[in-house]
Amino acid sequence: MIIRGFRARVHAGMEDEFERFFREQALPMVQQYAGLVSAHIGTPIEKRTNEFLMVTTWKDLDSLKEFTRDHWQEPSIDPAEKRLLQQTYLHHYRTDASGN
């Protein structure tokens, strides 16, 4: 399995708009892919931070590539989301099904 961690730093003042986008558009869009095992979003606990997180787990690299159209090493940024973003980070990790 593949764990994909996407962090997004949002422009100041756009946190609420980004959180709505994350919950109402990005998460449902990712959840439609058959190779997705799980998807979680993280929002700031303290309002003074402007960084958000989405962690997805994929059955395998081919499943992730189906979602990313083979651009799995790049963030998948929706055009509606792009203007909200200050900076993004993307990391991938390999794991096995038992969680070891």
C-alpha atoms as a PDB file:
ATOM      1  CA  MET A   1       0.000   0.000   0.000  1.00  0.00           C
ATOM      2  CA  ILE A   2       0.982   3.610  -0.557  1.00  0.00           C
ATOM      3  CA  ILE A   3       0.408   6.451   1.920  1.00  0.00           C
ATOM      4  CA  ARG A   4       0.190   9.888   0.307  1.00  0.00           C
ATOM      5  CA  GLY A   5       0.538  12.934   2.541  1.00  0.00           C
ATOM      6  CA  PHE A   6      -0.479  16.272   1.052  1.00  0.00           C
ATOM      7  CA  ARG A   7       0.005  19.421   3.123  1.00  0.00           C
ATOM      8  CA  ALA A   8      -1.214  22.798   1.996  1.00  0.00           C
ATOM      9  CA  ARG A   9      -0.347  26.194   3.402  1.00  0.00           C
ATOM     10  CA  VAL A  10      -3.169  28.599   2.579  1.00  0.00           C
ATOM     11  CA  HIS A  11      -3.005  32.361   2.068  1.00  0.00           C
ATOM     12  CA  ALA A  12      -3.969  34.304   5.195  1.00  0.00           C
ATOM     13  CA  GLY A  13      -7.675  35.006   5.388  1.00  0.00           C
ATOM     14  CA  MET A  14      -8.589  32.129   3.076  1.00  0.00           C
ATOM     15  CA  GLU A  15      -8.613  29.360   5.694  1.00  0.00           C
ATOM     16  CA  ASP A  16     -12.416  29.015   5.951  1.00  0.00           C
ATOM     17  CA  GLU A  17     -12.842  28.964   2.175  1.00  0.00           C
ATOM     18  CA  PHE A  18     -10.123  26.345   1.795  1.00  0.00           C
ATOM     19  CA  GLU A  19     -11.569  24.174   4.556  1.00  0.00           C
ATOM     20  CA  ARG A  20     -14.965  24.214   2.811  1.00  0.00           C
ATOM     21  CA  PHE A  21     -13.285  23.284  -0.486  1.00  0.00           C
ATOM     22  CA  PHE A  22     -11.305  20.500   1.209  1.00  0.00           C
ATOM     23  CA  ARG A  23     -14.395  18.972   2.868  1.00  0.00           C
ATOM     24  CA  GLU A  24     -17.017  19.549   0.186  1.00  0.00           C
ATOM     25  CA  GLN A  25     -15.054  19.047  -3.040  1.00  0.00           C
ATOM     26  CA  ALA A  26     -11.559  17.561  -2.618  1.00  0.00           C
ATOM     27  CA  LEU A  27     -12.424  14.741  -0.198  1.00  0.00           C
ATOM     28  CA  PRO A  28     -15.520  13.500  -2.112  1.00  0.00           C
ATOM     29  CA  MET A  29     -13.556  13.652  -5.374  1.00  0.00           C
ATOM     30  CA  VAL A  30     -10.750  11.473  -3.994  1.00  0.00           C
ATOM     31  CA  GLN A  31     -13.226   9.040  -2.417  1.00  0.00           C
ATOM     32  CA  GLN A  32     -14.658   8.059  -5.800  1.00  0.00           C
ATOM     33  CA  TYR A  33     -11.524   6.120  -6.826  1.00  0.00           C
ATOM     34  CA  ALA A  34     -11.715   2.342  -6.469  1.00  0.00           C
ATOM     35  CA  GLY A  35      -8.074   1.924  -5.400  1.00  0.00           C
ATOM     36  CA  LEU A  36      -8.468   4.249  -2.419  1.00  0.00           C
ATOM     37  CA  VAL A  37      -8.252   2.456   0.927  1.00  0.00           C
ATOM     38  CA  SER A  38      -8.796   5.480   3.177  1.00  0.00           C
ATOM     39  CA  ALA A  39      -8.796   9.273   3.139  1.00  0.00           C
ATOM     40  CA  HIS A  40      -8.513  11.693   6.035  1.00  0.00           C
ATOM     41  CA  ILE A  41      -8.288  15.454   6.184  1.00  0.00           C
ATOM     42  CA  GLY A  42      -6.680  17.412   8.968  1.00  0.00           C
ATOM     43  CA  THR A  43      -7.582  20.977   9.807  1.00  0.00           C
ATOM     44  CA  PRO A  44      -5.742  23.303  12.174  1.00  0.00           C
ATOM     45  CA  ILE A  45      -6.473  22.872  15.866  1.00  0.00           C
ATOM     46  CA  GLU A  46      -5.341  26.430  16.518  1.00  0.00           C
ATOM     47  CA  LYS A  47      -6.740  29.143  14.258  1.00  0.00           C
ATOM     48  CA  ARG A  48      -3.367  30.913  14.081  1.00  0.00           C
ATOM     49  CA  THR A  49      -2.007  28.310  11.670  1.00  0.00           C
ATOM     50  CA  ASN A  50      -2.941  28.109   8.019  1.00  0.00           C
ATOM     51  CA  GLU A  51      -1.775  24.589   7.163  1.00  0.00           C
ATOM     52  CA  PHE A  52      -4.076  21.713   6.215  1.00  0.00           C
ATOM     53  CA  LEU A  53      -3.412  18.018   5.603  1.00  0.00           C
ATOM     54  CA  MET A  54      -4.899  15.218   3.530  1.00  0.00           C
ATOM     55  CA  VAL A  55      -3.624  11.688   4.080  1.00  0.00           C
ATOM     56  CA  THR A  56      -4.761   9.026   1.654  1.00  0.00           C
ATOM     57  CA  THR A  57      -3.900   5.357   1.512  1.00  0.00           C
ATOM     58  CA  TRP A  58      -3.937   3.580  -1.832  1.00  0.00           C
ATOM     59  CA  LYS A  59      -4.039  -0.132  -2.612  1.00  0.00           C
ATOM     60  CA  ASP A  60      -0.919   0.141  -4.770  1.00  0.00           C
ATOM     61  CA  LEU A  61       1.009   2.529  -6.995  1.00  0.00           C
ATOM     62  CA  ASP A  62      -1.183   1.704  -9.999  1.00  0.00           C
ATOM     63  CA  SER A  63      -4.252   2.796  -8.017  1.00  0.00           C
ATOM     64  CA  LEU A  64      -2.561   6.057  -7.099  1.00  0.00           C
ATOM     65  CA  LYS A  65      -1.579   6.596 -10.740  1.00  0.00           C
ATOM     66  CA  GLU A  66      -5.209   6.141 -11.769  1.00  0.00           C
ATOM     67  CA  PHE A  67      -6.094   9.063  -9.495  1.00  0.00           C
ATOM     68  CA  THR A  68      -3.148  11.244 -10.534  1.00  0.00           C
ATOM     69  CA  ARG A  69      -3.065  10.302 -14.227  1.00  0.00           C
ATOM     70  CA  ASP A  70       0.501   9.013 -13.810  1.00  0.00           C
ATOM     71  CA  HIS A  71       1.685  12.285 -12.218  1.00  0.00           C
ATOM     72  CA  TRP A  72       1.801  10.695  -8.770  1.00  0.00           C
ATOM     73  CA  GLN A  73       4.894  12.641  -7.687  1.00  0.00           C
ATOM     74  CA  GLU A  74       3.105  15.986  -8.104  1.00  0.00           C
ATOM     75  CA  PRO A  75       0.250  17.439  -6.050  1.00  0.00           C
ATOM     76  CA  SER A  76      -3.176  17.129  -7.654  1.00  0.00           C
ATOM     77  CA  ILE A  77      -4.390  20.727  -7.526  1.00  0.00           C
ATOM     78  CA  ASP A  78      -7.887  21.629  -8.658  1.00  0.00           C
ATOM     79  CA  PRO A  79      -8.017  24.965 -10.532  1.00  0.00           C
ATOM     80  CA  ALA A  80     -10.575  26.251  -7.988  1.00  0.00           C
ATOM     81  CA  GLU A  81      -8.126  25.519  -5.173  1.00  0.00           C
ATOM     82  CA  LYS A  82      -4.977  26.955  -6.742  1.00  0.00           C
ATOM     83  CA  ARG A  83      -5.641  30.619  -5.875  1.00  0.00           C
ATOM     84  CA  LEU A  84      -6.066  29.682  -2.196  1.00  0.00           C
ATOM     85  CA  LEU A  85      -2.678  27.999  -1.885  1.00  0.00           C
ATOM     86  CA  GLN A  86       0.507  29.617  -0.709  1.00  0.00           C
ATOM     87  CA  GLN A  87       2.646  26.458  -0.665  1.00  0.00           C
ATOM     88  CA  THR A  88       2.177  22.689  -0.935  1.00  0.00           C
ATOM     89  CA  TYR A  89       4.130  19.662   0.216  1.00  0.00           C
ATOM     90  CA  LEU A  90       3.728  16.081  -0.968  1.00  0.00           C
ATOM     91  CA  HIS A  91       5.210  12.893   0.461  1.00  0.00           C
ATOM     92  CA  HIS A  92       4.722   9.195  -0.286  1.00  0.00           C
ATOM     93  CA  TYR A  93       5.408   6.203   1.915  1.00  0.00           C
ATOM     94  CA  ARG A  94       5.216   2.485   1.335  1.00  0.00           C
ATOM     95  CA  THR A  95       3.453   0.278   3.881  1.00  0.00           C
ATOM     96  CA  ASP A  96       2.072  -3.222   3.963  1.00  0.00           C
ATOM     97  CA  ALA A  97      -1.523  -4.241   4.639  1.00  0.00           C
ATOM     98  CA  SER A  98      -0.771  -5.355   8.211  1.00  0.00           C
ATOM     99  CA  GLY A  99       0.385  -1.867   9.167  1.00  0.00           C
ATOM    100  CA  ASN A 100       3.985  -2.910   9.889  1.00  0.00           C
END
